[in-house]
N, C-alpha and C. Protein backbone atom coordinates (compact mmCIF):
# COMPACT_ATOMS: atom_id res chain seq x y z
N MET A 1 1.17 11.16 -12.62
CA MET A 1 1.31 9.97 -11.80
C MET A 1 0.56 10.19 -10.49
N ASN A 2 -0.15 9.18 -10.06
CA ASN A 2 -0.91 9.26 -8.82
C ASN A 2 -0.01 9.18 -7.61
N LYS A 3 -0.45 9.87 -6.57
CA LYS A 3 0.26 9.79 -5.30
C LYS A 3 0.01 8.42 -4.69
N SER A 4 1.04 7.86 -4.08
CA SER A 4 0.87 6.57 -3.42
C SER A 4 1.13 6.73 -1.93
N TYR A 5 0.56 5.84 -1.17
CA TYR A 5 0.67 5.84 0.28
C TYR A 5 1.31 4.52 0.70
N TRP A 6 2.43 4.61 1.40
CA TRP A 6 3.21 3.44 1.77
C TRP A 6 3.08 3.16 3.25
N LEU A 7 3.03 1.89 3.59
CA LEU A 7 3.10 1.44 4.99
C LEU A 7 4.11 0.31 5.07
N ILE A 8 4.85 0.27 6.17
CA ILE A 8 5.84 -0.78 6.39
C ILE A 8 5.54 -1.45 7.72
N ASN A 9 5.71 -2.76 7.78
CA ASN A 9 5.40 -3.48 9.02
C ASN A 9 6.46 -3.22 10.08
N PRO A 10 6.14 -3.52 11.35
CA PRO A 10 7.08 -3.22 12.44
C PRO A 10 8.46 -3.88 12.29
N SER A 11 8.52 -5.05 11.69
CA SER A 11 9.82 -5.71 11.54
C SER A 11 10.56 -5.27 10.28
N ARG A 12 9.94 -4.36 9.51
CA ARG A 12 10.54 -3.78 8.30
C ARG A 12 10.91 -4.84 7.25
N THR A 13 10.04 -5.85 7.13
CA THR A 13 10.27 -6.90 6.14
C THR A 13 9.21 -6.93 5.04
N GLU A 14 8.12 -6.18 5.24
CA GLU A 14 7.01 -6.19 4.30
C GLU A 14 6.44 -4.79 4.19
N LEU A 15 5.92 -4.45 3.02
CA LEU A 15 5.27 -3.16 2.86
C LEU A 15 4.02 -3.28 2.02
N LYS A 16 3.17 -2.28 2.15
CA LYS A 16 1.95 -2.16 1.35
C LYS A 16 2.01 -0.79 0.69
N ILE A 17 1.62 -0.75 -0.56
CA ILE A 17 1.59 0.50 -1.31
C ILE A 17 0.16 0.67 -1.84
N PHE A 18 -0.46 1.78 -1.48
CA PHE A 18 -1.83 2.08 -1.89
C PHE A 18 -1.78 3.18 -2.95
N THR A 19 -2.33 2.90 -4.14
CA THR A 19 -2.31 3.84 -5.25
C THR A 19 -3.69 3.87 -5.89
N LYS A 20 -4.24 5.07 -6.10
CA LYS A 20 -5.55 5.17 -6.73
C LYS A 20 -5.46 4.73 -8.19
N ASN A 21 -6.44 3.95 -8.61
CA ASN A 21 -6.53 3.51 -10.00
C ASN A 21 -6.85 4.74 -10.86
N GLU A 22 -5.97 5.07 -11.79
CA GLU A 22 -6.15 6.25 -12.64
C GLU A 22 -7.42 6.18 -13.49
N LYS A 23 -7.93 4.98 -13.71
CA LYS A 23 -9.13 4.83 -14.53
C LYS A 23 -10.40 4.90 -13.72
N SER A 24 -10.28 5.15 -12.42
CA SER A 24 -11.45 5.30 -11.57
C SER A 24 -12.21 6.56 -11.98
N ILE A 25 -13.52 6.52 -11.81
CA ILE A 25 -14.36 7.68 -12.06
C ILE A 25 -14.68 8.30 -10.70
N ASP A 26 -14.14 9.49 -10.44
CA ASP A 26 -14.30 10.14 -9.13
C ASP A 26 -15.76 10.19 -8.72
N GLY A 27 -16.02 9.72 -7.50
CA GLY A 27 -17.36 9.77 -6.94
C GLY A 27 -18.27 8.65 -7.39
N VAL A 28 -17.86 7.86 -8.37
CA VAL A 28 -18.71 6.77 -8.87
C VAL A 28 -18.05 5.43 -8.63
N PHE A 29 -17.00 5.15 -9.36
CA PHE A 29 -16.26 3.90 -9.22
C PHE A 29 -14.83 4.23 -8.85
N GLU A 30 -14.56 4.30 -7.57
CA GLU A 30 -13.21 4.63 -7.13
C GLU A 30 -12.54 3.39 -6.56
N TYR A 31 -11.40 3.04 -7.14
CA TYR A 31 -10.67 1.86 -6.74
C TYR A 31 -9.22 2.21 -6.44
N MET A 32 -8.63 1.41 -5.57
CA MET A 32 -7.21 1.55 -5.23
C MET A 32 -6.51 0.24 -5.56
N PHE A 33 -5.28 0.36 -6.03
CA PHE A 33 -4.41 -0.80 -6.13
C PHE A 33 -3.68 -0.92 -4.79
N VAL A 34 -3.61 -2.12 -4.27
CA VAL A 34 -2.85 -2.38 -3.05
C VAL A 34 -1.78 -3.41 -3.42
N ASP A 35 -0.53 -2.92 -3.44
CA ASP A 35 0.61 -3.78 -3.73
C ASP A 35 1.19 -4.27 -2.41
N THR A 36 1.59 -5.53 -2.38
CA THR A 36 2.29 -6.09 -1.23
C THR A 36 3.69 -6.45 -1.69
N GLY A 37 4.68 -5.97 -0.93
CA GLY A 37 6.06 -6.23 -1.31
C GLY A 37 6.87 -6.77 -0.15
N LYS A 38 7.93 -7.48 -0.51
CA LYS A 38 8.89 -8.00 0.47
C LYS A 38 10.15 -7.16 0.39
N ILE A 39 10.75 -6.94 1.56
CA ILE A 39 11.98 -6.15 1.63
C ILE A 39 13.12 -7.10 1.94
N ASP A 40 14.10 -7.14 1.06
CA ASP A 40 15.31 -7.94 1.28
C ASP A 40 16.43 -6.98 1.63
N GLY A 41 17.05 -7.18 2.77
CA GLY A 41 18.12 -6.28 3.19
C GLY A 41 17.57 -5.03 3.83
N ALA A 42 18.33 -3.95 3.76
CA ALA A 42 17.95 -2.68 4.38
C ALA A 42 16.95 -1.94 3.51
N PHE A 43 15.88 -1.46 4.13
CA PHE A 43 14.86 -0.71 3.40
C PHE A 43 15.49 0.55 2.81
N GLY A 44 15.24 0.78 1.53
CA GLY A 44 15.77 1.96 0.87
C GLY A 44 17.04 1.71 0.08
N LYS A 45 17.74 0.62 0.39
CA LYS A 45 18.97 0.32 -0.35
C LYS A 45 18.66 -0.43 -1.64
N GLU A 46 17.70 -1.34 -1.56
CA GLU A 46 17.25 -2.11 -2.72
C GLU A 46 15.74 -1.91 -2.85
N PRO A 47 15.22 -1.89 -4.07
CA PRO A 47 13.77 -1.75 -4.21
C PRO A 47 13.06 -2.99 -3.67
N PRO A 48 11.86 -2.82 -3.12
CA PRO A 48 11.11 -3.98 -2.65
C PRO A 48 10.68 -4.85 -3.83
N VAL A 49 10.47 -6.11 -3.56
CA VAL A 49 9.98 -7.04 -4.57
C VAL A 49 8.47 -7.13 -4.38
N ILE A 50 7.71 -6.70 -5.39
CA ILE A 50 6.26 -6.73 -5.30
C ILE A 50 5.80 -8.16 -5.53
N ILE A 51 5.04 -8.67 -4.55
CA ILE A 51 4.57 -10.06 -4.58
C ILE A 51 3.16 -10.15 -5.15
N THR A 52 2.26 -9.27 -4.69
CA THR A 52 0.88 -9.29 -5.16
C THR A 52 0.36 -7.88 -5.36
N THR A 53 -0.62 -7.76 -6.23
CA THR A 53 -1.36 -6.52 -6.44
C THR A 53 -2.83 -6.87 -6.52
N ILE A 54 -3.64 -6.15 -5.73
CA ILE A 54 -5.08 -6.34 -5.81
C ILE A 54 -5.72 -4.99 -6.06
N SER A 55 -6.93 -5.00 -6.59
CA SER A 55 -7.70 -3.78 -6.80
C SER A 55 -8.93 -3.88 -5.92
N VAL A 56 -9.12 -2.88 -5.05
CA VAL A 56 -10.25 -2.90 -4.13
C VAL A 56 -10.96 -1.54 -4.16
N ASP A 57 -12.20 -1.56 -3.75
CA ASP A 57 -12.99 -0.35 -3.59
C ASP A 57 -12.25 0.60 -2.65
N ILE A 58 -12.34 1.89 -2.90
CA ILE A 58 -11.58 2.86 -2.12
C ILE A 58 -11.93 2.81 -0.63
N ASP A 59 -13.19 2.52 -0.31
CA ASP A 59 -13.58 2.42 1.10
C ASP A 59 -12.90 1.23 1.78
N LEU A 60 -12.82 0.11 1.08
CA LEU A 60 -12.14 -1.07 1.62
C LEU A 60 -10.65 -0.79 1.78
N ALA A 61 -10.07 -0.07 0.83
CA ALA A 61 -8.65 0.29 0.92
C ALA A 61 -8.40 1.13 2.17
N ARG A 62 -9.30 2.04 2.47
CA ARG A 62 -9.17 2.87 3.68
C ARG A 62 -9.24 2.00 4.93
N GLU A 63 -10.16 1.03 4.93
CA GLU A 63 -10.29 0.12 6.07
C GLU A 63 -9.01 -0.69 6.28
N ILE A 64 -8.46 -1.20 5.18
CA ILE A 64 -7.22 -1.99 5.26
C ILE A 64 -6.09 -1.11 5.80
N TYR A 65 -5.98 0.10 5.30
CA TYR A 65 -4.94 1.03 5.73
C TYR A 65 -5.05 1.31 7.23
N GLU A 66 -6.25 1.62 7.70
CA GLU A 66 -6.47 1.91 9.12
C GLU A 66 -6.19 0.68 9.99
N ARG A 67 -6.60 -0.49 9.52
CA ARG A 67 -6.35 -1.72 10.28
C ARG A 67 -4.85 -1.99 10.41
N LEU A 68 -4.11 -1.78 9.33
CA LEU A 68 -2.66 -1.97 9.39
C LEU A 68 -2.02 -0.98 10.36
N LEU A 69 -2.46 0.27 10.35
CA LEU A 69 -1.94 1.25 11.31
C LEU A 69 -2.19 0.78 12.74
N SER A 70 -3.37 0.22 13.00
CA SER A 70 -3.69 -0.25 14.35
C SER A 70 -2.85 -1.46 14.75
N GLN A 71 -2.28 -2.16 13.76
CA GLN A 71 -1.44 -3.33 14.02
C GLN A 71 0.04 -2.97 14.10
N GLY A 72 0.35 -1.68 14.09
CA GLY A 72 1.73 -1.25 14.25
C GLY A 72 2.46 -0.90 12.97
N TRP A 73 1.80 -1.00 11.82
CA TRP A 73 2.43 -0.59 10.58
C TRP A 73 2.56 0.94 10.60
N ARG A 74 3.60 1.46 9.96
CA ARG A 74 3.85 2.91 9.93
C ARG A 74 4.30 3.34 8.55
N GLN A 75 4.19 4.64 8.31
CA GLN A 75 4.71 5.19 7.06
C GLN A 75 6.24 5.16 7.14
N PRO A 76 6.91 4.77 6.05
CA PRO A 76 8.38 4.73 6.07
C PRO A 76 8.96 6.13 6.25
N GLU A 77 10.10 6.20 6.87
CA GLU A 77 10.77 7.50 7.10
C GLU A 77 11.73 7.80 6.00
């Protein structure tokens, strides 16, 4: 199973999960899945509801991740 990278928004109501596409060819066609989920209730008590999943180039995924960090999103504790 691939390692995933999670970010949660400052109000703790939404999260993004970044996971490398297992079918990517390293160094040639590298893609990440970016899941967007909604959090109902307390984070960690109930699983998030995944609303959308997109597949993007790994470089774009890095840009999205960095932009979210600059907007106050953080890794969940």
